Every structure is written in structure tokens, then in C-alpha cells.
Amino acid sequence: MIGVGFVESVLSGAVAAGTVFLLASLGEVYAERSGVLNLGMEGMMILG
């Protein structure tokens, strides 16, 4: 059976990785709403 420590570490890693994508996505939303078309946002998320 999977230990509680393992589940906790997986969830904390998922939240940490998800926060980065959330902030990048919010930045893209604001850029799109202001009228700036940024076609390279996905590449910047991968390389940044």
C-alpha cells in the first residue's frame, strides 16, 4: 500500500509545478486582453 508520505510528496510537487503554469497562463490572459498577441508563450513556458 502507498504510504502517506509518498502521497504528500506527490501532491506537494503537483501543486508546486501547477503554480508555475497557473502564473504563466494568467500572464498570457492579461497580454491577450490588452491586445498583444504572444504566439510564443508556450515555448517560453517550456524553456523558462
C-alpha atoms as a PDB file:
ATOM      1  CA  MET A   1       0.000   0.000   0.000  1.00  0.00           C
ATOM      2  CA  ILE A   2       1.177   3.530  -0.750  1.00  0.00           C
ATOM      3  CA  GLY A   3       2.428   5.445   2.248  1.00  0.00           C
ATOM      4  CA  VAL A   4       1.090   8.783   3.387  1.00  0.00           C
ATOM      5  CA  GLY A   5       4.494  10.400   2.940  1.00  0.00           C
ATOM      6  CA  PHE A   6       4.602   9.390  -0.709  1.00  0.00           C
ATOM      7  CA  VAL A   7       1.141  10.792  -1.401  1.00  0.00           C
ATOM      8  CA  GLU A   8       2.044  14.007   0.396  1.00  0.00           C
ATOM      9  CA  SER A   9       5.229  14.458  -1.629  1.00  0.00           C
ATOM     10  CA  VAL A  10       3.433  13.796  -4.924  1.00  0.00           C
ATOM     11  CA  LEU A  11       0.695  16.302  -4.104  1.00  0.00           C
ATOM     12  CA  SER A  12       3.146  18.972  -2.987  1.00  0.00           C
ATOM     13  CA  GLY A  13       5.145  18.501  -6.191  1.00  0.00           C
ATOM     14  CA  ALA A  14       1.995  18.770  -8.285  1.00  0.00           C
ATOM     15  CA  VAL A  15       0.968  21.997  -6.558  1.00  0.00           C
ATOM     16  CA  ALA A  16       4.454  23.458  -6.981  1.00  0.00           C
ATOM     17  CA  ALA A  17       4.550  22.603 -10.695  1.00  0.00           C
ATOM     18  CA  GLY A  18       0.977  23.736 -11.236  1.00  0.00           C
ATOM     19  CA  THR A  19       1.637  27.142  -9.696  1.00  0.00           C
ATOM     20  CA  VAL A  20       4.214  27.939 -12.358  1.00  0.00           C
ATOM     21  CA  PHE A  21       1.807  27.092 -15.165  1.00  0.00           C
ATOM     22  CA  LEU A  22      -1.005  29.000 -13.473  1.00  0.00           C
ATOM     23  CA  LEU A  23       1.058  32.186 -13.239  1.00  0.00           C
ATOM     24  CA  ALA A  24       2.249  31.873 -16.846  1.00  0.00           C
ATOM     25  CA  SER A  25      -1.302  31.295 -18.037  1.00  0.00           C
ATOM     26  CA  LEU A  26      -2.569  34.330 -16.137  1.00  0.00           C
ATOM     27  CA  GLY A  27       0.169  36.423 -17.732  1.00  0.00           C
ATOM     28  CA  GLU A  28      -0.923  35.257 -21.160  1.00  0.00           C
ATOM     29  CA  VAL A  29      -4.557  36.072 -20.383  1.00  0.00           C
ATOM     30  CA  TYR A  30      -3.628  39.625 -19.400  1.00  0.00           C
ATOM     31  CA  ALA A  31      -1.499  40.015 -22.516  1.00  0.00           C
ATOM     32  CA  GLU A  32      -4.327  38.805 -24.745  1.00  0.00           C
ATOM     33  CA  ARG A  33      -6.850  41.084 -23.043  1.00  0.00           C
ATOM     34  CA  SER A  34      -4.597  44.093 -23.638  1.00  0.00           C
ATOM     35  CA  GLY A  35      -4.420  43.313 -27.355  1.00  0.00           C
ATOM     36  CA  VAL A  36      -0.912  41.874 -27.518  1.00  0.00           C
ATOM     37  CA  LEU A  37      -0.730  38.626 -29.470  1.00  0.00           C
ATOM     38  CA  ASN A  38       2.016  36.465 -27.999  1.00  0.00           C
ATOM     39  CA  LEU A  39       2.380  33.308 -30.062  1.00  0.00           C
ATOM     40  CA  GLY A  40       5.488  32.124 -28.226  1.00  0.00           C
ATOM     41  CA  MET A  41       4.026  31.810 -24.726  1.00  0.00           C
ATOM     42  CA  GLU A  42       4.029  28.009 -24.761  1.00  0.00           C
ATOM     43  CA  GLY A  43       7.687  27.947 -25.770  1.00  0.00           C
ATOM     44  CA  MET A  44       8.579  30.449 -23.080  1.00  0.00           C
ATOM     45  CA  MET A  45       6.766  28.302 -20.518  1.00  0.00           C
ATOM     46  CA  ILE A  46       8.738  25.238 -21.584  1.00  0.00           C
ATOM     47  CA  LEU A  47      12.136  26.943 -21.767  1.00  0.00           C
ATOM     48  CA  GLY A  48      11.622  29.357 -18.873  1.00  0.00           C
END
